[in-house]
């Protein structure tokens, strides 16, 4: 059974995370998210990710990932991780 992965933060470092996720046979990148919808859409198109969002809560509710990669600037990590943990 594959781990369902989502990613929030579609800037430069996100590409490296996507590349590493794609190397894992037991993982599937289900969705990406960025406050700037165009950034999320571009990353999704570049890597054929099936879904993209501009709202983290909406993505978490819809996708219910097993793993969340947080690839935003460091000062946002705690807030985003807390939100994700609160949603299970």
PDB file of N, CA and C in Angstrom:
ATOM      1  N   UNK A   1       0.841  -1.184   0.000  1.00  0.00           N
ATOM      2  CA  UNK A   1       0.000   0.000   0.000  1.00  0.00           C
ATOM      3  C   UNK A   1       0.887   1.249   0.000  1.00  0.00           C
ATOM      4  N   UNK A   2       0.641   2.144  -0.921  1.00  0.00           N
ATOM      5  CA  UNK A   2       1.456   3.349  -1.071  1.00  0.00           C
ATOM      6  C   UNK A   2       1.076   4.405  -0.040  1.00  0.00           C
ATOM      7  N   UNK A   3       2.083   5.156   0.399  1.00  0.00           N
ATOM      8  CA  UNK A   3       1.839   6.315   1.248  1.00  0.00           C
ATOM      9  C   UNK A   3       1.322   7.439   0.376  1.00  0.00           C
ATOM     10  N   UNK A   4       0.245   8.055   0.798  1.00  0.00           N
ATOM     11  CA  UNK A   4      -0.326   9.190   0.086  1.00  0.00           C
ATOM     12  C   UNK A   4       0.324  10.454   0.642  1.00  0.00           C
ATOM     13  N   UNK A   5       1.018  11.183  -0.228  1.00  0.00           N
ATOM     14  CA  UNK A   5       1.775  12.350   0.193  1.00  0.00           C
ATOM     15  C   UNK A   5       1.179  13.605  -0.409  1.00  0.00           C
ATOM     16  N   UNK A   6       1.188  14.680   0.377  1.00  0.00           N
ATOM     17  CA  UNK A   6       0.823  16.012  -0.090  1.00  0.00           C
ATOM     18  C   UNK A   6       1.980  16.936   0.247  1.00  0.00           C
ATOM     19  N   UNK A   7       2.041  18.053  -0.439  1.00  0.00           N
ATOM     20  CA  UNK A   7       3.126  19.005  -0.250  1.00  0.00           C
ATOM     21  C   UNK A   7       2.540  20.411  -0.190  1.00  0.00           C
ATOM     22  N   UNK A   8       3.000  21.192   0.762  1.00  0.00           N
ATOM     23  CA  UNK A   8       2.586  22.593   0.850  1.00  0.00           C
ATOM     24  C   UNK A   8       3.816  23.473   0.720  1.00  0.00           C
ATOM     25  N   UNK A   9       3.726  24.455  -0.172  1.00  0.00           N
ATOM     26  CA  UNK A   9       4.835  25.349  -0.469  1.00  0.00           C
ATOM     27  C   UNK A   9       5.473  24.954  -1.780  1.00  0.00           C
ATOM     28  N   UNK A  10       5.152  25.633  -2.849  1.00  0.00           N
ATOM     29  CA  UNK A  10       5.574  25.217  -4.190  1.00  0.00           C
ATOM     30  C   UNK A  10       6.706  26.072  -4.766  1.00  0.00           C
ATOM     31  N   UNK A  11       7.559  26.578  -3.906  1.00  0.00           N
ATOM     32  CA  UNK A  11       8.717  27.348  -4.350  1.00  0.00           C
ATOM     33  C   UNK A  11       9.849  26.445  -4.802  1.00  0.00           C
ATOM     34  N   UNK A  12      11.055  27.008  -4.834  1.00  0.00           N
ATOM     35  CA  UNK A  12      12.216  26.317  -5.412  1.00  0.00           C
ATOM     36  C   UNK A  12      12.523  24.974  -4.760  1.00  0.00           C
ATOM     37  N   UNK A  13      12.482  24.881  -3.451  1.00  0.00           N
ATOM     38  CA  UNK A  13      12.851  23.634  -2.769  1.00  0.00           C
ATOM     39  C   UNK A  13      11.833  22.519  -3.011  1.00  0.00           C
ATOM     40  N   UNK A  14      10.617  22.888  -3.383  1.00  0.00           N
ATOM     41  CA  UNK A  14       9.573  21.883  -3.611  1.00  0.00           C
ATOM     42  C   UNK A  14       9.967  20.899  -4.702  1.00  0.00           C
ATOM     43  N   UNK A  15      10.648  21.374  -5.732  1.00  0.00           N
ATOM     44  CA  UNK A  15      11.057  20.478  -6.821  1.00  0.00           C
ATOM     45  C   UNK A  15      11.949  19.357  -6.308  1.00  0.00           C
ATOM     46  N   UNK A  16      12.878  19.679  -5.415  1.00  0.00           N
ATOM     47  CA  UNK A  16      13.764  18.651  -4.857  1.00  0.00           C
ATOM     48  C   UNK A  16      12.963  17.625  -4.062  1.00  0.00           C
ATOM     49  N   UNK A  17      11.969  18.080  -3.309  1.00  0.00           N
ATOM     50  CA  UNK A  17      11.125  17.150  -2.543  1.00  0.00           C
ATOM     51  C   UNK A  17      10.334  16.255  -3.492  1.00  0.00           C
ATOM     52  N   UNK A  18       9.766  16.839  -4.539  1.00  0.00           N
ATOM     53  CA  UNK A  18       8.993  16.042  -5.494  1.00  0.00           C
ATOM     54  C   UNK A  18       9.891  14.991  -6.149  1.00  0.00           C
ATOM     55  N   UNK A  19      11.086  15.380  -6.525  1.00  0.00           N
ATOM     56  CA  UNK A  19      12.012  14.428  -7.143  1.00  0.00           C
ATOM     57  C   UNK A  19      12.304  13.262  -6.195  1.00  0.00           C
ATOM     58  N   UNK A  20      12.518  13.561  -4.920  1.00  0.00           N
ATOM     59  CA  UNK A  20      12.785  12.492  -3.949  1.00  0.00           C
ATOM     60  C   UNK A  20      11.554  11.626  -3.699  1.00  0.00           C
ATOM     61  N   UNK A  21      10.382  12.237  -3.630  1.00  0.00           N
ATOM     62  CA  UNK A  21       9.141  11.469  -3.449  1.00  0.00           C
ATOM     63  C   UNK A  21       8.964  10.498  -4.617  1.00  0.00           C
ATOM     64  N   UNK A  22       9.236  10.955  -5.808  1.00  0.00           N
ATOM     65  CA  UNK A  22       9.052  10.123  -7.002  1.00  0.00           C
ATOM     66  C   UNK A  22      10.002   8.932  -7.028  1.00  0.00           C
ATOM     67  N   UNK A  23      11.091   8.988  -6.292  1.00  0.00           N
ATOM     68  CA  UNK A  23      12.048   7.880  -6.226  1.00  0.00           C
ATOM     69  C   UNK A  23      11.573   6.773  -5.283  1.00  0.00           C
ATOM     70  N   UNK A  24      10.561   7.035  -4.500  1.00  0.00           N
ATOM     71  CA  UNK A  24      10.082   6.075  -3.503  1.00  0.00           C
ATOM     72  C   UNK A  24       8.966   5.220  -4.099  1.00  0.00           C
ATOM     73  N   UNK A  25       9.190   3.932  -4.270  1.00  0.00           N
ATOM     74  CA  UNK A  25       8.165   3.089  -4.892  1.00  0.00           C
ATOM     75  C   UNK A  25       6.893   2.966  -4.056  1.00  0.00           C
ATOM     76  N   UNK A  26       6.989   3.167  -2.765  1.00  0.00           N
ATOM     77  CA  UNK A  26       5.809   3.026  -1.899  1.00  0.00           C
ATOM     78  C   UNK A  26       5.183   4.382  -1.579  1.00  0.00           C
ATOM     79  N   UNK A  27       5.344   5.359  -2.472  1.00  0.00           N
ATOM     80  CA  UNK A  27       4.796   6.695  -2.223  1.00  0.00           C
ATOM     81  C   UNK A  27       4.155   7.244  -3.491  1.00  0.00           C
ATOM     82  N   UNK A  28       3.086   8.002  -3.289  1.00  0.00           N
ATOM     83  CA  UNK A  28       2.446   8.698  -4.401  1.00  0.00           C
ATOM     84  C   UNK A  28       2.168  10.133  -3.958  1.00  0.00           C
ATOM     85  N   UNK A  29       2.566  11.087  -4.795  1.00  0.00           N
ATOM     86  CA  UNK A  29       2.292  12.496  -4.516  1.00  0.00           C
ATOM     87  C   UNK A  29       0.908  12.809  -5.060  1.00  0.00           C
ATOM     88  N   UNK A  30      -0.044  12.988  -4.150  1.00  0.00           N
ATOM     89  CA  UNK A  30      -1.444  13.158  -4.529  1.00  0.00           C
ATOM     90  C   UNK A  30      -1.826  14.601  -4.797  1.00  0.00           C
ATOM     91  N   UNK A  31      -1.167  15.553  -4.106  1.00  0.00           N
ATOM     92  CA  UNK A  31      -1.584  16.948  -4.245  1.00  0.00           C
ATOM     93  C   UNK A  31      -0.489  17.889  -3.769  1.00  0.00           C
ATOM     94  N   UNK A  32      -0.539  19.100  -4.309  1.00  0.00           N
ATOM     95  CA  UNK A  32       0.362  20.171  -3.879  1.00  0.00           C
ATOM     96  C   UNK A  32      -0.477  21.410  -3.569  1.00  0.00           C
ATOM     97  N   UNK A  33       0.090  22.285  -2.736  1.00  0.00           N
ATOM     98  CA  UNK A  33      -0.645  23.461  -2.295  1.00  0.00           C
ATOM     99  C   UNK A  33       0.302  24.651  -2.153  1.00  0.00           C
ATOM    100  N   UNK A  34      -0.183  25.816  -2.528  1.00  0.00           N
ATOM    101  CA  UNK A  34       0.543  27.068  -2.315  1.00  0.00           C
ATOM    102  C   UNK A  34      -0.485  28.191  -2.245  1.00  0.00           C
ATOM    103  N   UNK A  35      -0.210  29.202  -1.411  1.00  0.00           N
ATOM    104  CA  UNK A  35      -1.124  30.351  -1.340  1.00  0.00           C
ATOM    105  C   UNK A  35      -1.304  30.993  -2.706  1.00  0.00           C
ATOM    106  N   UNK A  36      -0.237  30.943  -3.506  1.00  0.00           N
ATOM    107  CA  UNK A  36      -0.310  31.444  -4.881  1.00  0.00           C
ATOM    108  C   UNK A  36      -0.750  30.280  -5.767  1.00  0.00           C
ATOM    109  N   UNK A  37      -2.006  30.298  -6.164  1.00  0.00           N
ATOM    110  CA  UNK A  37      -2.566  29.171  -6.911  1.00  0.00           C
ATOM    111  C   UNK A  37      -1.747  28.836  -8.163  1.00  0.00           C
ATOM    112  N   UNK A  38      -1.212  29.852  -8.828  1.00  0.00           N
ATOM    113  CA  UNK A  38      -0.420  29.619 -10.029  1.00  0.00           C
ATOM    114  C   UNK A  38       0.827  28.790  -9.723  1.00  0.00           C
ATOM    115  N   UNK A  39       1.446  29.035  -8.587  1.00  0.00           N
ATOM    116  CA  UNK A  39       2.625  28.244  -8.194  1.00  0.00           C
ATOM    117  C   UNK A  39       2.248  26.779  -8.021  1.00  0.00           C
ATOM    118  N   UNK A  40       1.129  26.518  -7.349  1.00  0.00           N
ATOM    119  CA  UNK A  40       0.666  25.142  -7.153  1.00  0.00           C
ATOM    120  C   UNK A  40       0.330  24.495  -8.494  1.00  0.00           C
ATOM    121  N   UNK A  41      -0.337  25.235  -9.344  1.00  0.00           N
ATOM    122  CA  UNK A  41      -0.715  24.692 -10.652  1.00  0.00           C
ATOM    123  C   UNK A  41       0.522  24.361 -11.484  1.00  0.00           C
ATOM    124  N   UNK A  42       1.509  25.250 -11.480  1.00  0.00           N
ATOM    125  CA  UNK A  42       2.714  25.012 -12.270  1.00  0.00           C
ATOM    126  C   UNK A  42       3.473  23.770 -11.788  1.00  0.00           C
ATOM    127  N   UNK A  43       3.589  23.608 -10.477  1.00  0.00           N
ATOM    128  CA  UNK A  43       4.270  22.424  -9.946  1.00  0.00           C
ATOM    129  C   UNK A  43       3.487  21.162 -10.297  1.00  0.00           C
ATOM    130  N   UNK A  44       2.176  21.230 -10.162  1.00  0.00           N
ATOM    131  CA  UNK A  44       1.328  20.075 -10.488  1.00  0.00           C
ATOM    132  C   UNK A  44       1.473  19.685 -11.956  1.00  0.00           C
ATOM    133  N   UNK A  45       1.493  20.656 -12.842  1.00  0.00           N
ATOM    134  CA  UNK A  45       1.639  20.374 -14.273  1.00  0.00           C
ATOM    135  C   UNK A  45       3.028  19.815 -14.559  1.00  0.00           C
ATOM    136  N   UNK A  46       4.047  20.420 -13.964  1.00  0.00           N
ATOM    137  CA  UNK A  46       5.433  20.000 -14.214  1.00  0.00           C
ATOM    138  C   UNK A  46       5.670  18.535 -13.849  1.00  0.00           C
ATOM    139  N   UNK A  47       5.000  18.073 -12.799  1.00  0.00           N
ATOM    140  CA  UNK A  47       5.241  16.711 -12.306  1.00  0.00           C
ATOM    141  C   UNK A  47       4.008  15.800 -12.407  1.00  0.00           C
ATOM    142  N   UNK A  48       3.016  16.217 -13.143  1.00  0.00           N
ATOM    143  CA  UNK A  48       1.794  15.419 -13.332  1.00  0.00           C
ATOM    144  C   UNK A  48       1.162  15.016 -11.996  1.00  0.00           C
ATOM    145  N   UNK A  49       1.091  15.958 -11.078  1.00  0.00           N
ATOM    146  CA  UNK A  49       0.429  15.733  -9.787  1.00  0.00           C
ATOM    147  C   UNK A  49      -1.071  15.915 -10.025  1.00  0.00           C
ATOM    148  N   UNK A  50      -1.887  14.979  -9.573  1.00  0.00           N
ATOM    149  CA  UNK A  50      -3.306  15.010  -9.925  1.00  0.00           C
ATOM    150  C   UNK A  50      -4.122  16.181  -9.366  1.00  0.00           C
ATOM    151  N   UNK A  51      -3.683  16.792  -8.274  1.00  0.00           N
ATOM    152  CA  UNK A  51      -4.499  17.866  -7.693  1.00  0.00           C
ATOM    153  C   UNK A  51      -3.613  18.983  -7.161  1.00  0.00           C
ATOM    154  N   UNK A  52      -4.135  20.203  -7.222  1.00  0.00           N
ATOM    155  CA  UNK A  52      -3.427  21.345  -6.646  1.00  0.00           C
ATOM    156  C   UNK A  52      -4.433  22.273  -5.973  1.00  0.00           C
ATOM    157  N   UNK A  53      -3.967  22.943  -4.926  1.00  0.00           N
ATOM    158  CA  UNK A  53      -4.831  23.771  -4.083  1.00  0.00           C
ATOM    159  C   UNK A  53      -4.121  25.069  -3.715  1.00  0.00           C
ATOM    160  N   UNK A  54      -4.930  26.059  -3.332  1.00  0.00           N
ATOM    161  CA  UNK A  54      -4.374  27.286  -2.764  1.00  0.00           C
ATOM    162  C   UNK A  54      -4.816  27.455  -1.312  1.00  0.00           C
ATOM    163  N   UNK A  55      -5.383  26.392  -0.734  1.00  0.00           N
ATOM    164  CA  UNK A  55      -5.845  26.416   0.649  1.00  0.00           C
ATOM    165  C   UNK A  55      -5.440  25.100   1.324  1.00  0.00           C
ATOM    166  N   UNK A  56      -4.579  25.194   2.322  1.00  0.00           N
ATOM    167  CA  UNK A  56      -4.074  23.989   2.993  1.00  0.00           C
ATOM    168  C   UNK A  56      -5.195  23.173   3.618  1.00  0.00           C
ATOM    169  N   UNK A  57      -6.097  23.825   4.338  1.00  0.00           N
ATOM    170  CA  UNK A  57      -7.172  23.088   4.998  1.00  0.00           C
ATOM    171  C   UNK A  57      -8.034  22.342   3.993  1.00  0.00           C
ATOM    172  N   UNK A  58      -8.327  22.977   2.869  1.00  0.00           N
ATOM    173  CA  UNK A  58      -9.123  22.314   1.827  1.00  0.00           C
ATOM    174  C   UNK A  58      -8.392  21.095   1.282  1.00  0.00           C
ATOM    175  N   UNK A  59      -7.076  21.230   1.073  1.00  0.00           N
ATOM    176  CA  UNK A  59      -6.309  20.097   0.573  1.00  0.00           C
ATOM    177  C   UNK A  59      -6.307  18.953   1.584  1.00  0.00           C
ATOM    178  N   UNK A  60      -6.040  19.268   2.840  1.00  0.00           N
ATOM    179  CA  UNK A  60      -6.000  18.225   3.866  1.00  0.00           C
ATOM    180  C   UNK A  60      -7.344  17.517   3.995  1.00  0.00           C
ATOM    181  N   UNK A  61      -8.425  18.285   3.960  1.00  0.00           N
ATOM    182  CA  UNK A  61      -9.764  17.698   4.068  1.00  0.00           C
ATOM    183  C   UNK A  61     -10.089  16.808   2.872  1.00  0.00           C
ATOM    184  N   UNK A  62      -9.726  17.256   1.684  1.00  0.00           N
ATOM    185  CA  UNK A  62     -10.075  16.512   0.466  1.00  0.00           C
ATOM    186  C   UNK A  62      -9.165  15.306   0.240  1.00  0.00           C
ATOM    187  N   UNK A  63      -7.882  15.472   0.500  1.00  0.00           N
ATOM    188  CA  UNK A  63      -6.911  14.435   0.146  1.00  0.00           C
ATOM    189  C   UNK A  63      -6.594  13.461   1.277  1.00  0.00           C
ATOM    190  N   UNK A  64      -6.688  13.908   2.514  1.00  0.00           N
ATOM    191  CA  UNK A  64      -6.374  13.083   3.678  1.00  0.00           C
ATOM    192  C   UNK A  64      -5.030  12.350   3.511  1.00  0.00           C
ATOM    193  N   UNK A  65      -3.943  13.104   3.333  1.00  0.00           N
ATOM    194  CA  UNK A  65      -2.645  12.464   3.102  1.00  0.00           C
ATOM    195  C   UNK A  65      -2.103  11.765   4.346  1.00  0.00           C
ATOM    196  N   UNK A  66      -1.256  10.782   4.108  1.00  0.00           N
ATOM    197  CA  UNK A  66      -0.542  10.109   5.196  1.00  0.00           C
ATOM    198  C   UNK A  66       0.659  10.932   5.642  1.00  0.00           C
ATOM    199  N   UNK A  67       1.235  11.677   4.702  1.00  0.00           N
ATOM    200  CA  UNK A  67       2.447  12.461   4.932  1.00  0.00           C
ATOM    201  C   UNK A  67       2.256  13.839   4.307  1.00  0.00           C
ATOM    202  N   UNK A  68       2.742  14.867   4.998  1.00  0.00           N
ATOM    203  CA  UNK A  68       2.732  16.220   4.452  1.00  0.00           C
ATOM    204  C   UNK A  68       4.146  16.760   4.440  1.00  0.00           C
ATOM    205  N   UNK A  69       4.636  17.109   3.264  1.00  0.00           N
ATOM    206  CA  UNK A  69       5.925  17.797   3.154  1.00  0.00           C
ATOM    207  C   UNK A  69       5.646  19.286   3.254  1.00  0.00           C
ATOM    208  N   UNK A  70       6.308  19.945   4.179  1.00  0.00           N
ATOM    209  CA  UNK A  70       6.173  21.391   4.344  1.00  0.00           C
ATOM    210  C   UNK A  70       7.428  22.023   3.773  1.00  0.00           C
ATOM    211  N   UNK A  71       7.277  22.675   2.631  1.00  0.00           N
ATOM    212  CA  UNK A  71       8.424  23.240   1.920  1.00  0.00           C
ATOM    213  C   UNK A  71       8.290  24.749   1.786  1.00  0.00           C
ATOM    214  N   UNK A  72       7.759  25.353   2.808  1.00  0.00           N
ATOM    215  CA  UNK A  72       7.620  26.803   2.888  1.00  0.00           C
ATOM    216  C   UNK A  72       8.844  27.381   3.592  1.00  0.00           C
ATOM    217  N   UNK A  73       8.954  28.695   3.661  1.00  0.00           N
ATOM    218  CA  UNK A  73      10.013  29.278   4.485  1.00  0.00           C
ATOM    219  C   UNK A  73       9.884  28.791   5.935  1.00  0.00           C
ATOM    220  N   UNK A  74      11.016  28.626   6.620  1.00  0.00           N
ATOM    221  CA  UNK A  74      11.022  28.025   7.959  1.00  0.00           C
ATOM    222  C   UNK A  74      10.076  28.673   8.972  1.00  0.00           C
ATOM    223  N   UNK A  75       9.896  29.970   8.910  1.00  0.00           N
ATOM    224  CA  UNK A  75       9.049  30.632   9.906  1.00  0.00           C
ATOM    225  C   UNK A  75       7.577  30.211   9.805  1.00  0.00           C
ATOM    226  N   UNK A  76       7.172  29.579   8.729  1.00  0.00           N
ATOM    227  CA  UNK A  76       5.788  29.119   8.575  1.00  0.00           C
ATOM    228  C   UNK A  76       5.605  27.661   8.988  1.00  0.00           C
ATOM    229  N   UNK A  77       6.689  26.934   9.224  1.00  0.00           N
ATOM    230  CA  UNK A  77       6.600  25.490   9.484  1.00  0.00           C
ATOM    231  C   UNK A  77       5.728  25.144  10.685  1.00  0.00           C
ATOM    232  N   UNK A  78       5.914  25.809  11.802  1.00  0.00           N
ATOM    233  CA  UNK A  78       5.175  25.459  13.009  1.00  0.00           C
ATOM    234  C   UNK A  78       3.674  25.632  12.807  1.00  0.00           C
ATOM    235  N   UNK A  79       3.274  26.750  12.249  1.00  0.00           N
ATOM    236  CA  UNK A  79       1.846  27.000  12.027  1.00  0.00           C
ATOM    237  C   UNK A  79       1.236  25.954  11.107  1.00  0.00           C
ATOM    238  N   UNK A  80       1.922  25.648  10.008  1.00  0.00           N
ATOM    239  CA  UNK A  80       1.385  24.682   9.053  1.00  0.00           C
ATOM    240  C   UNK A  80       1.373  23.275   9.636  1.00  0.00           C
ATOM    241  N   UNK A  81       2.418  22.906  10.354  1.00  0.00           N
ATOM    242  CA  UNK A  81       2.468  21.578  10.976  1.00  0.00           C
ATOM    243  C   UNK A  81       1.364  21.441  12.021  1.00  0.00           C
ATOM    244  N   UNK A  82       1.152  22.474  12.805  1.00  0.00           N
ATOM    245  CA  UNK A  82       0.089  22.446  13.824  1.00  0.00           C
ATOM    246  C   UNK A  82      -1.275  22.277  13.179  1.00  0.00           C
ATOM    247  N   UNK A  83      -1.518  22.998  12.089  1.00  0.00           N
ATOM    248  CA  UNK A  83      -2.793  22.864  11.372  1.00  0.00           C
ATOM    249  C   UNK A  83      -2.972  21.451  10.832  1.00  0.00           C
ATOM    250  N   UNK A  84      -1.904  20.893  10.277  1.00  0.00           N
ATOM    251  CA  UNK A  84      -1.990  19.537   9.712  1.00  0.00           C
ATOM    252  C   UNK A  84      -2.236  18.498  10.806  1.00  0.00           C
ATOM    253  N   UNK A  85      -1.530  18.632  11.912  1.00  0.00           N
ATOM    254  CA  UNK A  85      -1.709  17.686  13.019  1.00  0.00           C
ATOM    255  C   UNK A  85      -3.130  17.760  13.566  1.00  0.00           C
ATOM    256  N   UNK A  86      -3.667  18.959  13.664  1.00  0.00           N
ATOM    257  CA  UNK A  86      -5.038  19.133  14.159  1.00  0.00           C
ATOM    258  C   UNK A  86      -6.061  18.451  13.252  1.00  0.00           C
ATOM    259  N   UNK A  87      -5.735  18.310  11.979  1.00  0.00           N
ATOM    260  CA  UNK A  87      -6.645  17.664  11.025  1.00  0.00           C
ATOM    261  C   UNK A  87      -6.360  16.173  10.873  1.00  0.00           C
ATOM    262  N   UNK A  88      -5.441  15.673  11.670  1.00  0.00           N
ATOM    263  CA  UNK A  88      -5.166  14.231  11.664  1.00  0.00           C
ATOM    264  C   UNK A  88      -4.124  13.830  10.662  1.00  0.00           C
TER     265      UNK A  88
END
